[in-house]
Amino acid sequence: MELTKGSLKVWKNNKVIGSVGPGKAFGELAILYNCTRTATVEAAEDSKIWVMDRKAFHTIMMRTGLQRQEDNIKFLRR
C-alpha cells in the first residue's frame, strides 16, 4: 500500500510508534511473506491510499525479476 495524501499513525501494543507520510509504502512484508501485519495504521487526517492485492503484487515482482534477469544476461553476453 502507498499513502498518496494525508498522514497515518502507526500503532503497536497500544502505543503510537511512528507515522507514515505521502509517498511512503507500508504493508509490503505481509504481502511478500504472507505473514501477520506487524503494526496497525490509522488515518491521522483525511488520506488517500493506493492498495494492491497479493496476486497483483507478486505478478509485478515476478515480471520485474524476469526482466532484470534478461537484462543481466544480455549485458554478460556483450
PDB file of N, CA and C in Angstrom:
ATOM      1  N   MET A   1       0.840  -1.158   0.000  1.00  0.00           N
ATOM      2  CA  MET A   1       0.000   0.000   0.000  1.00  0.00           C
ATOM      3  C   MET A   1       0.889   1.226   0.000  1.00  0.00           C
ATOM      4  N   GLU A   2       0.371   2.298  -0.609  1.00  0.00           N
ATOM      5  CA  GLU A   2       1.127   3.549  -0.625  1.00  0.00           C
ATOM      6  C   GLU A   2       0.206   4.705  -0.275  1.00  0.00           C
ATOM      7  N   LEU A   3       0.674   5.531   0.622  1.00  0.00           N
ATOM      8  CA  LEU A   3      -0.065   6.719   1.018  1.00  0.00           C
ATOM      9  C   LEU A   3       0.242   7.832   0.024  1.00  0.00           C
ATOM     10  N   THR A   4      -0.783   8.383  -0.609  1.00  0.00           N
ATOM     11  CA  THR A   4      -0.565   9.458  -1.580  1.00  0.00           C
ATOM     12  C   THR A   4      -1.022  10.813  -1.056  1.00  0.00           C
ATOM     13  N   LYS A   5      -1.813  10.813   0.009  1.00  0.00           N
ATOM     14  CA  LYS A   5      -2.305  12.070   0.582  1.00  0.00           C
ATOM     15  C   LYS A   5      -2.627  11.845   2.054  1.00  0.00           C
ATOM     16  N   GLY A   6      -2.303  12.821   2.885  1.00  0.00           N
ATOM     17  CA  GLY A   6      -2.638  12.733   4.301  1.00  0.00           C
ATOM     18  C   GLY A   6      -1.503  12.179   5.139  1.00  0.00           C
ATOM     19  N   SER A   7      -1.854  11.670   6.303  1.00  0.00           N
ATOM     20  CA  SER A   7      -0.852  11.047   7.177  1.00  0.00           C
ATOM     21  C   SER A   7      -1.518   9.951   8.001  1.00  0.00           C
ATOM     22  N   LEU A   8      -0.698   8.992   8.402  1.00  0.00           N
ATOM     23  CA  LEU A   8      -1.163   7.846   9.175  1.00  0.00           C
ATOM     24  C   LEU A   8      -0.350   7.723  10.450  1.00  0.00           C
ATOM     25  N   LYS A   9      -0.992   7.290  11.517  1.00  0.00           N
ATOM     26  CA  LYS A   9      -0.290   6.939  12.753  1.00  0.00           C
ATOM     27  C   LYS A   9      -0.017   5.441  12.706  1.00  0.00           C
ATOM     28  N   VAL A  10       1.142   5.038  13.179  1.00  0.00           N
ATOM     29  CA  VAL A  10       1.497   3.618  13.251  1.00  0.00           C
ATOM     30  C   VAL A  10       1.439   3.202  14.718  1.00  0.00           C
ATOM     31  N   TRP A  11       0.630   2.176  14.999  1.00  0.00           N
ATOM     32  CA  TRP A  11       0.402   1.692  16.356  1.00  0.00           C
ATOM     33  C   TRP A  11       0.955   0.283  16.542  1.00  0.00           C
ATOM     34  N   LYS A  12       1.508   0.038  17.720  1.00  0.00           N
ATOM     35  CA  LYS A  12       1.909  -1.312  18.113  1.00  0.00           C
ATOM     36  C   LYS A  12       1.787  -1.399  19.629  1.00  0.00           C
ATOM     37  N   ASN A  13       1.146  -2.442  20.108  1.00  0.00           N
ATOM     38  CA  ASN A  13       0.940  -2.627  21.551  1.00  0.00           C
ATOM     39  C   ASN A  13       0.308  -1.396  22.202  1.00  0.00           C
ATOM     40  N   ASN A  14      -0.709  -0.843  21.550  1.00  0.00           N
ATOM     41  CA  ASN A  14      -1.456   0.318  22.060  1.00  0.00           C
ATOM     42  C   ASN A  14      -0.623   1.581  22.221  1.00  0.00           C
ATOM     43  N   LYS A  15       0.498   1.680  21.506  1.00  0.00           N
ATOM     44  CA  LYS A  15       1.337   2.878  21.540  1.00  0.00           C
ATOM     45  C   LYS A  15       1.603   3.336  20.115  1.00  0.00           C
ATOM     46  N   VAL A  16       1.613   4.649  19.917  1.00  0.00           N
ATOM     47  CA  VAL A  16       1.996   5.197  18.617  1.00  0.00           C
ATOM     48  C   VAL A  16       3.511   5.080  18.518  1.00  0.00           C
ATOM     49  N   ILE A  17       3.980   4.365  17.492  1.00  0.00           N
ATOM     50  CA  ILE A  17       5.426   4.153  17.342  1.00  0.00           C
ATOM     51  C   ILE A  17       5.995   4.867  16.121  1.00  0.00           C
ATOM     52  N   GLY A  18       5.138   5.530  15.356  1.00  0.00           N
ATOM     53  CA  GLY A  18       5.628   6.230  14.180  1.00  0.00           C
ATOM     54  C   GLY A  18       4.496   6.805  13.362  1.00  0.00           C
ATOM     55  N   SER A  19       4.870   7.284  12.187  1.00  0.00           N
ATOM     56  CA  SER A  19       3.877   7.849  11.279  1.00  0.00           C
ATOM     57  C   SER A  19       4.290   7.547   9.846  1.00  0.00           C
ATOM     58  N   VAL A  20       3.325   7.675   8.950  1.00  0.00           N
ATOM     59  CA  VAL A  20       3.561   7.467   7.522  1.00  0.00           C
ATOM     60  C   VAL A  20       3.083   8.729   6.817  1.00  0.00           C
ATOM     61  N   GLY A  21       3.930   9.260   5.935  1.00  0.00           N
ATOM     62  CA  GLY A  21       3.569  10.449   5.174  1.00  0.00           C
ATOM     63  C   GLY A  21       3.406  10.126   3.705  1.00  0.00           C
ATOM     64  N   PRO A  22       2.929  11.080   2.926  1.00  0.00           N
ATOM     65  CA  PRO A  22       2.716  10.868   1.489  1.00  0.00           C
ATOM     66  C   PRO A  22       3.973  10.358   0.783  1.00  0.00           C
ATOM     67  N   GLY A  23       3.765   9.431  -0.136  1.00  0.00           N
ATOM     68  CA  GLY A  23       4.869   8.855  -0.900  1.00  0.00           C
ATOM     69  C   GLY A  23       5.502   7.644  -0.245  1.00  0.00           C
ATOM     70  N   LYS A  24       5.062   7.306   0.937  1.00  0.00           N
ATOM     71  CA  LYS A  24       5.636   6.164   1.658  1.00  0.00           C
ATOM     72  C   LYS A  24       4.777   4.918   1.480  1.00  0.00           C
ATOM     73  N   ALA A  25       5.446   3.787   1.352  1.00  0.00           N
ATOM     74  CA  ALA A  25       4.765   2.492   1.224  1.00  0.00           C
ATOM     75  C   ALA A  25       4.767   1.794   2.580  1.00  0.00           C
ATOM     76  N   PHE A  26       3.786   0.941   2.790  1.00  0.00           N
ATOM     77  CA  PHE A  26       3.711   0.171   4.031  1.00  0.00           C
ATOM     78  C   PHE A  26       2.921  -1.100   3.765  1.00  0.00           C
ATOM     79  N   GLY A  27       3.112  -2.107   4.607  1.00  0.00           N
ATOM     80  CA  GLY A  27       2.380  -3.358   4.474  1.00  0.00           C
ATOM     81  C   GLY A  27       3.001  -4.355   3.511  1.00  0.00           C
ATOM     82  N   GLU A  28       4.174  -4.032   2.984  1.00  0.00           N
ATOM     83  CA  GLU A  28       4.783  -4.904   1.975  1.00  0.00           C
ATOM     84  C   GLU A  28       5.278  -6.232   2.541  1.00  0.00           C
ATOM     85  N   LEU A  29       5.695  -6.264   3.788  1.00  0.00           N
ATOM     86  CA  LEU A  29       6.175  -7.528   4.367  1.00  0.00           C
ATOM     87  C   LEU A  29       5.056  -8.559   4.435  1.00  0.00           C
ATOM     88  N   ALA A  30       3.875  -8.119   4.816  1.00  0.00           N
ATOM     89  CA  ALA A  30       2.738  -9.045   4.897  1.00  0.00           C
ATOM     90  C   ALA A  30       2.383  -9.592   3.517  1.00  0.00           C
ATOM     91  N   ILE A  31       2.486  -8.751   2.498  1.00  0.00           N
ATOM     92  CA  ILE A  31       2.188  -9.208   1.133  1.00  0.00           C
ATOM     93  C   ILE A  31       3.280 -10.148   0.629  1.00  0.00           C
ATOM     94  N   LEU A  32       4.530  -9.785   0.854  1.00  0.00           N
ATOM     95  CA  LEU A  32       5.648 -10.604   0.371  1.00  0.00           C
ATOM     96  C   LEU A  32       5.687 -11.978   1.018  1.00  0.00           C
ATOM     97  N   TYR A  33       5.527 -12.019   2.323  1.00  0.00           N
ATOM     98  CA  TYR A  33       5.756 -13.254   3.066  1.00  0.00           C
ATOM     99  C   TYR A  33       4.486 -13.896   3.618  1.00  0.00           C
ATOM    100  N   ASN A  34       3.326 -13.343   3.262  1.00  0.00           N
ATOM    101  CA  ASN A  34       2.047 -13.885   3.715  1.00  0.00           C
ATOM    102  C   ASN A  34       2.033 -14.056   5.239  1.00  0.00           C
ATOM    103  N   CYS A  35       2.507 -13.021   5.934  1.00  0.00           N
ATOM    104  CA  CYS A  35       2.577 -13.084   7.394  1.00  0.00           C
ATOM    105  C   CYS A  35       1.610 -12.065   8.007  1.00  0.00           C
ATOM    106  N   THR A  36       1.468 -12.150   9.301  1.00  0.00           N
ATOM    107  CA  THR A  36       0.626 -11.217  10.033  1.00  0.00           C
ATOM    108  C   THR A  36       1.251  -9.832   9.997  1.00  0.00           C
ATOM    109  N   ARG A  37       0.432  -8.830   9.910  1.00  0.00           N
ATOM    110  CA  ARG A  37       0.935  -7.456   9.935  1.00  0.00           C
ATOM    111  C   ARG A  37       1.619  -7.201  11.279  1.00  0.00           C
ATOM    112  N   THR A  38       2.701  -6.437  11.247  1.00  0.00           N
ATOM    113  CA  THR A  38       3.483  -6.199  12.462  1.00  0.00           C
ATOM    114  C   THR A  38       3.015  -4.975  13.237  1.00  0.00           C
ATOM    115  N   ALA A  39       2.150  -4.158  12.632  1.00  0.00           N
ATOM    116  CA  ALA A  39       1.636  -2.956  13.290  1.00  0.00           C
ATOM    117  C   ALA A  39       0.286  -2.606  12.666  1.00  0.00           C
ATOM    118  N   THR A  40      -0.361  -1.623  13.251  1.00  0.00           N
ATOM    119  CA  THR A  40      -1.643  -1.133  12.757  1.00  0.00           C
ATOM    120  C   THR A  40      -1.467   0.316  12.340  1.00  0.00           C
ATOM    121  N   VAL A  41      -2.097   0.718  11.239  1.00  0.00           N
ATOM    122  CA  VAL A  41      -2.069   2.125  10.842  1.00  0.00           C
ATOM    123  C   VAL A  41      -3.474   2.703  10.961  1.00  0.00           C
ATOM    124  N   GLU A  42      -3.513   3.977  11.307  1.00  0.00           N
ATOM    125  CA  GLU A  42      -4.775   4.687  11.480  1.00  0.00           C
ATOM    126  C   GLU A  42      -4.618   6.069  10.858  1.00  0.00           C
ATOM    127  N   ALA A  43      -5.610   6.494  10.088  1.00  0.00           N
ATOM    128  CA  ALA A  43      -5.551   7.815   9.465  1.00  0.00           C
ATOM    129  C   ALA A  43      -5.540   8.901  10.537  1.00  0.00           C
ATOM    130  N   ALA A  44      -4.563   9.795  10.457  1.00  0.00           N
ATOM    131  CA  ALA A  44      -4.489  10.933  11.364  1.00  0.00           C
ATOM    132  C   ALA A  44      -5.275  12.114  10.793  1.00  0.00           C
ATOM    133  N   GLU A  45      -5.583  12.038   9.494  1.00  0.00           N
ATOM    134  CA  GLU A  45      -6.355  13.060   8.792  1.00  0.00           C
ATOM    135  C   GLU A  45      -6.917  12.409   7.533  1.00  0.00           C
ATOM    136  N   ASP A  46      -7.732  13.146   6.774  1.00  0.00           N
ATOM    137  CA  ASP A  46      -8.230  12.596   5.516  1.00  0.00           C
ATOM    138  C   ASP A  46      -7.047  12.144   4.680  1.00  0.00           C
ATOM    139  N   SER A  47      -7.100  10.920   4.195  1.00  0.00           N
ATOM    140  CA  SER A  47      -5.959  10.332   3.489  1.00  0.00           C
ATOM    141  C   SER A  47      -6.420   9.568   2.260  1.00  0.00           C
ATOM    142  N   LYS A  48      -5.483   9.380   1.331  1.00  0.00           N
ATOM    143  CA  LYS A  48      -5.738   8.555   0.150  1.00  0.00           C
ATOM    144  C   LYS A  48      -4.640   7.497   0.097  1.00  0.00           C
ATOM    145  N   ILE A  49      -5.062   6.240  -0.007  1.00  0.00           N
ATOM    146  CA  ILE A  49      -4.126   5.115  -0.009  1.00  0.00           C
ATOM    147  C   ILE A  49      -4.372   4.264  -1.244  1.00  0.00           C
ATOM    148  N   TRP A  50      -3.309   3.955  -1.967  1.00  0.00           N
ATOM    149  CA  TRP A  50      -3.382   3.015  -3.084  1.00  0.00           C
ATOM    150  C   TRP A  50      -3.112   1.628  -2.528  1.00  0.00           C
ATOM    151  N   VAL A  51      -3.989   0.690  -2.869  1.00  0.00           N
ATOM    152  CA  VAL A  51      -3.891  -0.674  -2.358  1.00  0.00           C
ATOM    153  C   VAL A  51      -3.729  -1.641  -3.522  1.00  0.00           C
ATOM    154  N   MET A  52      -2.859  -2.638  -3.346  1.00  0.00           N
ATOM    155  CA  MET A  52      -2.646  -3.670  -4.359  1.00  0.00           C
ATOM    156  C   MET A  52      -2.813  -5.026  -3.686  1.00  0.00           C
ATOM    157  N   ASP A  53      -3.541  -5.921  -4.335  1.00  0.00           N
ATOM    158  CA  ASP A  53      -3.710  -7.240  -3.729  1.00  0.00           C
ATOM    159  C   ASP A  53      -2.454  -8.089  -3.929  1.00  0.00           C
ATOM    160  N   ARG A  54      -2.370  -9.158  -3.162  1.00  0.00           N
ATOM    161  CA  ARG A  54      -1.188 -10.023  -3.140  1.00  0.00           C
ATOM    162  C   ARG A  54      -0.854 -10.576  -4.526  1.00  0.00           C
ATOM    163  N   LYS A  55      -1.865 -11.036  -5.256  1.00  0.00           N
ATOM    164  CA  LYS A  55      -1.627 -11.642  -6.569  1.00  0.00           C
ATOM    165  C   LYS A  55      -1.027 -10.627  -7.539  1.00  0.00           C
ATOM    166  N   ALA A  56      -1.573  -9.423  -7.587  1.00  0.00           N
ATOM    167  CA  ALA A  56      -1.043  -8.384  -8.474  1.00  0.00           C
ATOM    168  C   ALA A  56       0.384  -8.016  -8.079  1.00  0.00           C
ATOM    169  N   PHE A  57       0.640  -7.897  -6.777  1.00  0.00           N
ATOM    170  CA  PHE A  57       1.979  -7.556  -6.296  1.00  0.00           C
ATOM    171  C   PHE A  57       2.991  -8.617  -6.718  1.00  0.00           C
ATOM    172  N   HIS A  58       2.646  -9.882  -6.520  1.00  0.00           N
ATOM    173  CA  HIS A  58       3.553 -10.969  -6.890  1.00  0.00           C
ATOM    174  C   HIS A  58       3.781 -11.013  -8.401  1.00  0.00           C
ATOM    175  N   THR A  59       2.741 -10.757  -9.183  1.00  0.00           N
ATOM    176  CA  THR A  59       2.881 -10.735 -10.643  1.00  0.00           C
ATOM    177  C   THR A  59       3.863  -9.652 -11.064  1.00  0.00           C
ATOM    178  N   ILE A  60       3.723  -8.470 -10.505  1.00  0.00           N
ATOM    179  CA  ILE A  60       4.632  -7.369 -10.835  1.00  0.00           C
ATOM    180  C   ILE A  60       6.053  -7.704 -10.409  1.00  0.00           C
ATOM    181  N   MET A  61       6.224  -8.241  -9.214  1.00  0.00           N
ATOM    182  CA  MET A  61       7.566  -8.593  -8.740  1.00  0.00           C
ATOM    183  C   MET A  61       8.202  -9.660  -9.623  1.00  0.00           C
ATOM    184  N   MET A  62       7.410 -10.636 -10.057  1.00  0.00           N
ATOM    185  CA  MET A  62       7.918 -11.704 -10.910  1.00  0.00           C
ATOM    186  C   MET A  62       8.359 -11.137 -12.256  1.00  0.00           C
ATOM    187  N   ARG A  63       7.533 -10.300 -12.863  1.00  0.00           N
ATOM    188  CA  ARG A  63       7.880  -9.696 -14.154  1.00  0.00           C
ATOM    189  C   ARG A  63       9.120  -8.822 -14.045  1.00  0.00           C
ATOM    190  N   THR A  64       9.196  -8.060 -12.962  1.00  0.00           N
ATOM    191  CA  THR A  64      10.356  -7.198 -12.746  1.00  0.00           C
ATOM    192  C   THR A  64      11.618  -8.041 -12.598  1.00  0.00           C
ATOM    193  N   GLY A  65      11.531  -9.122 -11.837  1.00  0.00           N
ATOM    194  CA  GLY A  65      12.677 -10.013 -11.648  1.00  0.00           C
ATOM    195  C   GLY A  65      13.104 -10.679 -12.939  1.00  0.00           C
ATOM    196  N   LEU A  66      12.143 -11.127 -13.732  1.00  0.00           N
ATOM    197  CA  LEU A  66      12.467 -11.760 -15.017  1.00  0.00           C
ATOM    198  C   LEU A  66      13.108 -10.765 -15.963  1.00  0.00           C
ATOM    199  N   GLN A  67      12.594  -9.537 -15.992  1.00  0.00           N
ATOM    200  CA  GLN A  67      13.177  -8.510 -16.858  1.00  0.00           C
ATOM    201  C   GLN A  67      14.605  -8.194 -16.424  1.00  0.00           C
ATOM    202  N   ARG A  68      14.827  -8.091 -15.135  1.00  0.00           N
ATOM    203  CA  ARG A  68      16.171  -7.814 -14.616  1.00  0.00           C
ATOM    204  C   ARG A  68      17.125  -8.950 -14.997  1.00  0.00           C
ATOM    205  N   GLN A  69      16.651 -10.187 -14.902  1.00  0.00           N
ATOM    206  CA  GLN A  69      17.473 -11.336 -15.266  1.00  0.00           C
ATOM    207  C   GLN A  69      17.822 -11.291 -16.752  1.00  0.00           C
ATOM    208  N   GLU A  70      16.854 -10.989 -17.609  1.00  0.00           N
ATOM    209  CA  GLU A  70      17.115 -10.879 -19.046  1.00  0.00           C
ATOM    210  C   GLU A  70      18.122  -9.774 -19.337  1.00  0.00           C
ATOM    211  N   ASP A  71      17.990  -8.645 -18.672  1.00  0.00           N
ATOM    212  CA  ASP A  71      18.931  -7.535 -18.857  1.00  0.00           C
ATOM    213  C   ASP A  71      20.342  -7.948 -18.446  1.00  0.00           C
ATOM    214  N   ASN A  72      20.478  -8.669 -17.349  1.00  0.00           N
ATOM    215  CA  ASN A  72      21.795  -9.125 -16.889  1.00  0.00           C
ATOM    216  C   ASN A  72      22.419 -10.103 -17.882  1.00  0.00           C
ATOM    217  N   ILE A  73      21.618 -11.007 -18.418  1.00  0.00           N
ATOM    218  CA  ILE A  73      22.125 -11.972 -19.403  1.00  0.00           C
ATOM    219  C   ILE A  73      22.599 -11.249 -20.654  1.00  0.00           C
ATOM    220  N   LYS A  74      21.826 -10.284 -21.140  1.00  0.00           N
ATOM    221  CA  LYS A  74      22.228  -9.501 -22.317  1.00  0.00           C
ATOM    222  C   LYS A  74      23.542  -8.781 -22.056  1.00  0.00           C
ATOM    223  N   PHE A  75      23.669  -8.198 -20.873  1.00  0.00           N
ATOM    224  CA  PHE A  75      24.894  -7.486 -20.524  1.00  0.00           C
ATOM    225  C   PHE A  75      26.093  -8.431 -20.507  1.00  0.00           C
ATOM    226  N   LEU A  76      25.941  -9.602 -19.929  1.00  0.00           N
ATOM    227  CA  LEU A  76      27.043 -10.558 -19.826  1.00  0.00           C
ATOM    228  C   LEU A  76      27.446 -11.141 -21.178  1.00  0.00           C
ATOM    229  N   ARG A  77      26.544 -11.169 -22.133  1.00  0.00           N
ATOM    230  CA  ARG A  77      26.852 -11.704 -23.458  1.00  0.00           C
ATOM    231  C   ARG A  77      27.625 -10.722 -24.322  1.00  0.00           C
ATOM    232  N   ARG A  78      27.728  -9.492 -23.925  1.00  0.00           N
ATOM    233  CA  ARG A  78      28.442  -8.478 -24.724  1.00  0.00           C
ATOM    234  C   ARG A  78      29.916  -8.704 -24.716  1.00  0.00           C
TER     235      ARG A  78
END
